[in-house]
Amino acid sequence: MSMRRMISVLVMLTVLCGGLGARAEERALDDDQPGVGAQLGWGMASFGTNLGYIPAKLIYAAGGGLVGLLAWGMTAGDTDVAKGIFSPAFGGTWAVSPEMLRGKEPIYFNGPSYDRPNN
């Protein structure tokens, strides 16, 4: 199956299931449970978002890793300095879920800041 045909089939399924899922979603609003079509739509939106988000996160983490290693070397092996760079670069959200797109969960591009322990 060609790529163009596969994409057109996925788009048609999304449109068809989205129409069916809208009625189911209206009934399920009290349960806060989206219908099948809405779940498919949010899943596809999540997949599409991750096509750009994950490579951007990888580039950010690789840059943070390089800068962290350089900072560690320039400070004669001070691991607290390196951890201060590694923690935000490597932490955070690595893949966006449908719940994140719906606003049910937060998206953190950066990880938490590293707090140097008091000596």
N, C-alpha and C. Protein backbone atom coordinates (compact mmCIF):
# COMPACT_ATOMS: atom_id res chain seq x y z
N MET A 1 0.85 -1.17 0.00
CA MET A 1 0.00 0.00 0.00
C MET A 1 0.90 1.24 0.00
N SER A 2 0.63 2.16 -0.89
CA SER A 2 1.46 3.36 -0.97
C SER A 2 1.20 4.27 0.23
N MET A 3 2.16 5.12 0.49
CA MET A 3 2.06 6.03 1.63
C MET A 3 0.88 6.99 1.47
N ARG A 4 0.66 7.46 0.25
CA ARG A 4 -0.44 8.39 0.00
C ARG A 4 -1.78 7.71 0.27
N ARG A 5 -1.92 6.46 -0.16
CA ARG A 5 -3.16 5.74 0.06
C ARG A 5 -3.38 5.47 1.55
N MET A 6 -2.30 5.12 2.26
CA MET A 6 -2.41 4.84 3.68
C MET A 6 -2.85 6.09 4.45
N ILE A 7 -2.29 7.23 4.10
CA ILE A 7 -2.67 8.49 4.77
C ILE A 7 -4.12 8.82 4.47
N SER A 8 -4.54 8.63 3.23
CA SER A 8 -5.93 8.95 2.90
C SER A 8 -6.90 8.01 3.63
N VAL A 9 -6.53 6.74 3.80
CA VAL A 9 -7.38 5.81 4.54
C VAL A 9 -7.46 6.23 6.00
N LEU A 10 -6.33 6.62 6.60
CA LEU A 10 -6.34 7.07 7.99
C LEU A 10 -7.18 8.33 8.18
N VAL A 11 -7.09 9.25 7.23
CA VAL A 11 -7.90 10.48 7.32
C VAL A 11 -9.38 10.15 7.22
N MET A 12 -9.75 9.26 6.29
CA MET A 12 -11.16 8.89 6.15
C MET A 12 -11.66 8.19 7.41
N LEU A 13 -10.85 7.29 7.98
CA LEU A 13 -11.26 6.62 9.22
C LEU A 13 -11.44 7.62 10.35
N THR A 14 -10.55 8.58 10.42
CA THR A 14 -10.66 9.60 11.47
C THR A 14 -11.95 10.40 11.32
N VAL A 15 -12.26 10.79 10.10
CA VAL A 15 -13.48 11.57 9.86
C VAL A 15 -14.71 10.73 10.19
N LEU A 16 -14.73 9.50 9.72
CA LEU A 16 -15.88 8.64 9.98
C LEU A 16 -16.04 8.33 11.46
N CYS A 17 -14.96 7.95 12.10
CA CYS A 17 -15.04 7.62 13.53
C CYS A 17 -15.26 8.87 14.38
N GLY A 18 -14.77 9.99 13.92
CA GLY A 18 -14.99 11.24 14.66
C GLY A 18 -16.45 11.60 14.70
N GLY A 19 -17.16 11.39 13.61
CA GLY A 19 -18.60 11.66 13.59
C GLY A 19 -19.37 10.72 14.49
N LEU A 20 -18.98 9.46 14.50
CA LEU A 20 -19.64 8.49 15.37
C LEU A 20 -19.29 8.73 16.83
N GLY A 21 -18.04 9.10 17.06
CA GLY A 21 -17.58 9.30 18.43
C GLY A 21 -18.14 10.56 19.07
N ALA A 22 -18.56 11.52 18.26
CA ALA A 22 -19.09 12.76 18.82
C ALA A 22 -20.36 12.49 19.61
N ARG A 23 -21.25 11.64 19.07
CA ARG A 23 -22.48 11.32 19.79
C ARG A 23 -22.19 10.55 21.06
N ALA A 24 -21.26 9.63 20.98
CA ALA A 24 -20.88 8.86 22.17
C ALA A 24 -20.24 9.77 23.20
N GLU A 25 -19.49 10.75 22.74
CA GLU A 25 -18.83 11.67 23.67
C GLU A 25 -19.86 12.54 24.38
N GLU A 26 -20.90 12.95 23.67
CA GLU A 26 -21.94 13.75 24.31
C GLU A 26 -22.61 12.98 25.45
N ARG A 27 -22.82 11.68 25.23
CA ARG A 27 -23.42 10.86 26.28
C ARG A 27 -22.46 10.63 27.43
N ALA A 28 -21.17 10.61 27.16
CA ALA A 28 -20.19 10.26 28.19
C ALA A 28 -19.57 11.47 28.86
N LEU A 29 -20.11 12.65 28.66
CA LEU A 29 -19.52 13.84 29.27
C LEU A 29 -19.52 13.76 30.79
N ASP A 30 -20.54 13.15 31.36
CA ASP A 30 -20.59 13.04 32.81
C ASP A 30 -19.49 12.14 33.33
N ASP A 31 -19.12 11.12 32.56
CA ASP A 31 -18.09 10.18 32.98
C ASP A 31 -16.69 10.70 32.65
N ASP A 32 -16.59 11.80 31.88
CA ASP A 32 -15.31 12.35 31.44
C ASP A 32 -14.51 11.31 30.65
N GLN A 33 -15.22 10.48 29.91
CA GLN A 33 -14.61 9.43 29.11
C GLN A 33 -14.97 9.71 27.65
N PRO A 34 -13.99 10.10 26.80
CA PRO A 34 -14.31 10.40 25.41
C PRO A 34 -14.70 9.14 24.64
N GLY A 35 -15.46 9.35 23.57
CA GLY A 35 -15.88 8.24 22.73
C GLY A 35 -14.72 7.68 21.93
N VAL A 36 -14.99 6.60 21.20
CA VAL A 36 -13.95 5.92 20.44
C VAL A 36 -13.36 6.85 19.38
N GLY A 37 -14.23 7.57 18.69
CA GLY A 37 -13.75 8.49 17.65
C GLY A 37 -12.91 9.61 18.22
N ALA A 38 -13.31 10.13 19.37
CA ALA A 38 -12.54 11.19 20.00
C ALA A 38 -11.20 10.65 20.49
N GLN A 39 -11.19 9.44 21.01
CA GLN A 39 -9.92 8.84 21.44
C GLN A 39 -8.98 8.65 20.25
N LEU A 40 -9.52 8.20 19.13
CA LEU A 40 -8.71 8.05 17.93
C LEU A 40 -8.17 9.40 17.48
N GLY A 41 -9.01 10.42 17.50
CA GLY A 41 -8.57 11.75 17.10
C GLY A 41 -7.49 12.30 18.01
N TRP A 42 -7.67 12.17 19.32
CA TRP A 42 -6.65 12.65 20.26
C TRP A 42 -5.36 11.85 20.13
N GLY A 43 -5.49 10.55 19.87
CA GLY A 43 -4.30 9.72 19.67
C GLY A 43 -3.52 10.13 18.44
N MET A 44 -4.24 10.42 17.36
CA MET A 44 -3.57 10.86 16.14
C MET A 44 -2.96 12.25 16.32
N ALA A 45 -3.65 13.12 17.06
CA ALA A 45 -3.09 14.44 17.34
C ALA A 45 -1.83 14.33 18.19
N SER A 46 -1.85 13.40 19.13
CA SER A 46 -0.67 13.16 19.97
C SER A 46 0.49 12.65 19.13
N PHE A 47 0.20 11.70 18.24
CA PHE A 47 1.22 11.16 17.35
C PHE A 47 1.82 12.27 16.49
N GLY A 48 0.98 13.09 15.90
CA GLY A 48 1.46 14.19 15.06
C GLY A 48 2.28 15.20 15.84
N THR A 49 1.85 15.50 17.06
CA THR A 49 2.60 16.43 17.90
C THR A 49 3.97 15.87 18.23
N ASN A 50 4.03 14.57 18.52
CA ASN A 50 5.30 13.95 18.88
C ASN A 50 6.28 13.88 17.72
N LEU A 51 5.79 13.96 16.49
CA LEU A 51 6.70 13.97 15.34
C LEU A 51 7.62 15.19 15.37
N GLY A 52 7.16 16.28 15.94
CA GLY A 52 8.02 17.46 16.09
C GLY A 52 8.58 17.61 17.48
N TYR A 53 7.81 17.19 18.49
CA TYR A 53 8.22 17.40 19.88
C TYR A 53 9.42 16.53 20.27
N ILE A 54 9.38 15.25 19.93
CA ILE A 54 10.45 14.35 20.35
C ILE A 54 11.80 14.72 19.72
N PRO A 55 11.88 15.02 18.42
CA PRO A 55 13.18 15.45 17.89
C PRO A 55 13.68 16.75 18.54
N ALA A 56 12.76 17.67 18.83
CA ALA A 56 13.17 18.91 19.50
C ALA A 56 13.71 18.61 20.90
N LYS A 57 13.05 17.72 21.62
CA LYS A 57 13.51 17.34 22.96
C LYS A 57 14.86 16.63 22.89
N LEU A 58 15.05 15.77 21.89
CA LEU A 58 16.34 15.09 21.72
C LEU A 58 17.47 16.08 21.45
N ILE A 59 17.22 17.06 20.60
CA ILE A 59 18.23 18.07 20.31
C ILE A 59 18.55 18.89 21.56
N TYR A 60 17.51 19.25 22.31
CA TYR A 60 17.70 20.01 23.55
C TYR A 60 18.51 19.19 24.56
N ALA A 61 18.18 17.91 24.71
CA ALA A 61 18.89 17.06 25.66
C ALA A 61 20.33 16.84 25.22
N ALA A 62 20.55 16.64 23.93
CA ALA A 62 21.92 16.46 23.44
C ALA A 62 22.76 17.72 23.67
N GLY A 63 22.16 18.87 23.42
CA GLY A 63 22.87 20.13 23.68
C GLY A 63 23.16 20.31 25.16
N GLY A 64 22.18 19.98 26.01
CA GLY A 64 22.38 20.06 27.45
C GLY A 64 23.44 19.09 27.93
N GLY A 65 23.48 17.90 27.33
CA GLY A 65 24.51 16.93 27.69
C GLY A 65 25.90 17.42 27.33
N LEU A 66 26.03 18.01 26.16
CA LEU A 66 27.32 18.54 25.72
C LEU A 66 27.76 19.71 26.60
N VAL A 67 26.85 20.63 26.84
CA VAL A 67 27.17 21.78 27.69
C VAL A 67 27.49 21.33 29.12
N GLY A 68 26.74 20.34 29.62
CA GLY A 68 27.00 19.82 30.96
C GLY A 68 28.37 19.18 31.07
N LEU A 69 28.76 18.43 30.03
CA LEU A 69 30.10 17.83 30.04
C LEU A 69 31.18 18.89 29.97
N LEU A 70 30.99 19.90 29.14
CA LEU A 70 31.96 21.00 29.07
C LEU A 70 32.05 21.74 30.40
N ALA A 71 30.91 21.99 31.03
CA ALA A 71 30.92 22.68 32.33
C ALA A 71 31.60 21.83 33.39
N TRP A 72 31.37 20.53 33.35
CA TRP A 72 32.02 19.62 34.30
C TRP A 72 33.53 19.66 34.12
N GLY A 73 33.98 19.65 32.87
CA GLY A 73 35.42 19.71 32.59
C GLY A 73 36.03 21.05 32.97
N MET A 74 35.32 22.13 32.72
CA MET A 74 35.84 23.48 33.02
C MET A 74 35.88 23.75 34.52
N THR A 75 35.08 23.04 35.29
CA THR A 75 35.07 23.24 36.75
C THR A 75 35.85 22.16 37.47
N ALA A 76 36.71 21.47 36.74
CA ALA A 76 37.59 20.43 37.30
C ALA A 76 36.78 19.31 37.96
N GLY A 77 35.70 18.91 37.34
CA GLY A 77 34.94 17.76 37.81
C GLY A 77 33.90 18.04 38.87
N ASP A 78 33.41 19.27 38.94
CA ASP A 78 32.35 19.60 39.91
C ASP A 78 31.03 19.03 39.40
N THR A 79 30.59 17.94 40.01
CA THR A 79 29.38 17.26 39.53
C THR A 79 28.12 18.07 39.79
N ASP A 80 28.13 18.94 40.79
CA ASP A 80 26.94 19.76 41.05
C ASP A 80 26.67 20.71 39.89
N VAL A 81 27.72 21.23 39.29
CA VAL A 81 27.55 22.12 38.13
C VAL A 81 26.96 21.33 36.96
N ALA A 82 27.51 20.15 36.73
CA ALA A 82 27.01 19.32 35.62
C ALA A 82 25.56 18.90 35.87
N LYS A 83 25.24 18.51 37.09
CA LYS A 83 23.86 18.11 37.41
C LYS A 83 22.90 19.28 37.26
N GLY A 84 23.36 20.48 37.52
CA GLY A 84 22.53 21.67 37.35
C GLY A 84 22.13 21.88 35.89
N ILE A 85 22.93 21.36 34.97
CA ILE A 85 22.61 21.45 33.55
C ILE A 85 21.89 20.19 33.07
N PHE A 86 22.35 19.02 33.55
CA PHE A 86 21.75 17.76 33.11
C PHE A 86 20.29 17.63 33.55
N SER A 87 19.98 18.04 34.76
CA SER A 87 18.63 17.84 35.30
C SER A 87 17.55 18.49 34.45
N PRO A 88 17.67 19.76 34.10
CA PRO A 88 16.64 20.35 33.22
C PRO A 88 16.68 19.78 31.80
N ALA A 89 17.87 19.46 31.31
CA ALA A 89 17.99 18.99 29.92
C ALA A 89 17.42 17.59 29.74
N PHE A 90 17.70 16.69 30.67
CA PHE A 90 17.26 15.30 30.52
C PHE A 90 15.92 15.02 31.17
N GLY A 91 15.46 15.87 32.06
CA GLY A 91 14.18 15.66 32.73
C GLY A 91 13.03 16.18 31.90
N GLY A 92 11.87 16.16 32.48
CA GLY A 92 10.69 16.68 31.80
C GLY A 92 9.97 15.63 30.98
N THR A 93 9.05 16.08 30.16
CA THR A 93 8.21 15.22 29.35
C THR A 93 8.94 14.86 28.06
N TRP A 94 9.04 13.57 27.78
CA TRP A 94 9.71 13.12 26.56
C TRP A 94 8.73 12.79 25.44
N ALA A 95 7.48 12.53 25.74
CA ALA A 95 6.46 12.26 24.72
C ALA A 95 5.14 12.86 25.20
N VAL A 96 4.42 13.46 24.28
CA VAL A 96 3.14 14.10 24.60
C VAL A 96 2.03 13.07 24.46
N SER A 97 1.23 12.93 25.50
CA SER A 97 0.11 11.98 25.49
C SER A 97 -1.19 12.71 25.15
N PRO A 98 -2.23 11.97 24.77
CA PRO A 98 -3.51 12.62 24.50
C PRO A 98 -4.05 13.38 25.72
N GLU A 99 -3.82 12.86 26.92
CA GLU A 99 -4.28 13.56 28.13
C GLU A 99 -3.58 14.91 28.28
N MET A 100 -2.34 14.99 27.85
CA MET A 100 -1.61 16.26 27.91
C MET A 100 -2.21 17.26 26.92
N LEU A 101 -2.55 16.79 25.74
CA LEU A 101 -3.17 17.68 24.75
C LEU A 101 -4.55 18.15 25.19
N ARG A 102 -5.27 17.31 25.92
CA ARG A 102 -6.60 17.68 26.42
C ARG A 102 -6.51 18.60 27.63
N GLY A 103 -5.32 18.81 28.19
CA GLY A 103 -5.15 19.68 29.33
C GLY A 103 -5.34 18.98 30.67
N LYS A 104 -5.41 17.65 30.64
CA LYS A 104 -5.60 16.89 31.88
C LYS A 104 -4.29 16.69 32.64
N GLU A 105 -3.16 16.69 31.92
CA GLU A 105 -1.84 16.54 32.51
C GLU A 105 -0.94 17.64 31.97
N PRO A 106 0.06 18.07 32.76
CA PRO A 106 0.95 19.13 32.28
C PRO A 106 2.04 18.59 31.35
N ILE A 107 2.57 19.48 30.53
CA ILE A 107 3.71 19.17 29.67
C ILE A 107 4.88 20.00 30.17
N TYR A 108 5.97 19.34 30.53
CA TYR A 108 7.18 20.01 31.00
C TYR A 108 8.30 19.74 30.01
N PHE A 109 8.68 20.75 29.23
CA PHE A 109 9.78 20.57 28.29
C PHE A 109 11.09 20.45 29.07
N ASN A 110 11.26 21.27 30.08
CA ASN A 110 12.44 21.21 30.96
C ASN A 110 12.13 20.35 32.16
N GLY A 111 13.17 19.73 32.69
CA GLY A 111 13.03 19.00 33.93
C GLY A 111 13.16 19.94 35.12
N PRO A 112 13.07 19.40 36.32
CA PRO A 112 13.19 20.24 37.51
C PRO A 112 14.62 20.75 37.68
N SER A 113 14.76 21.88 38.34
CA SER A 113 16.08 22.43 38.62
C SER A 113 16.78 21.57 39.67
N TYR A 114 18.08 21.52 39.56
CA TYR A 114 18.87 20.78 40.51
C TYR A 114 19.24 21.68 41.67
N ASP A 115 18.98 21.24 42.88
CA ASP A 115 19.34 22.01 44.07
C ASP A 115 20.61 21.43 44.66
N ARG A 116 21.62 22.27 44.74
CA ARG A 116 22.90 21.84 45.31
C ARG A 116 22.71 21.56 46.79
N PRO A 117 23.17 20.38 47.24
CA PRO A 117 23.03 20.08 48.67
C PRO A 117 23.93 21.00 49.51
N ASN A 118 23.41 21.40 50.67
CA ASN A 118 24.18 22.25 51.57
C ASN A 118 25.21 21.41 52.29
N ASN A 119 26.44 21.88 52.30
CA ASN A 119 27.51 21.15 53.00
C ASN A 119 27.72 21.68 54.37
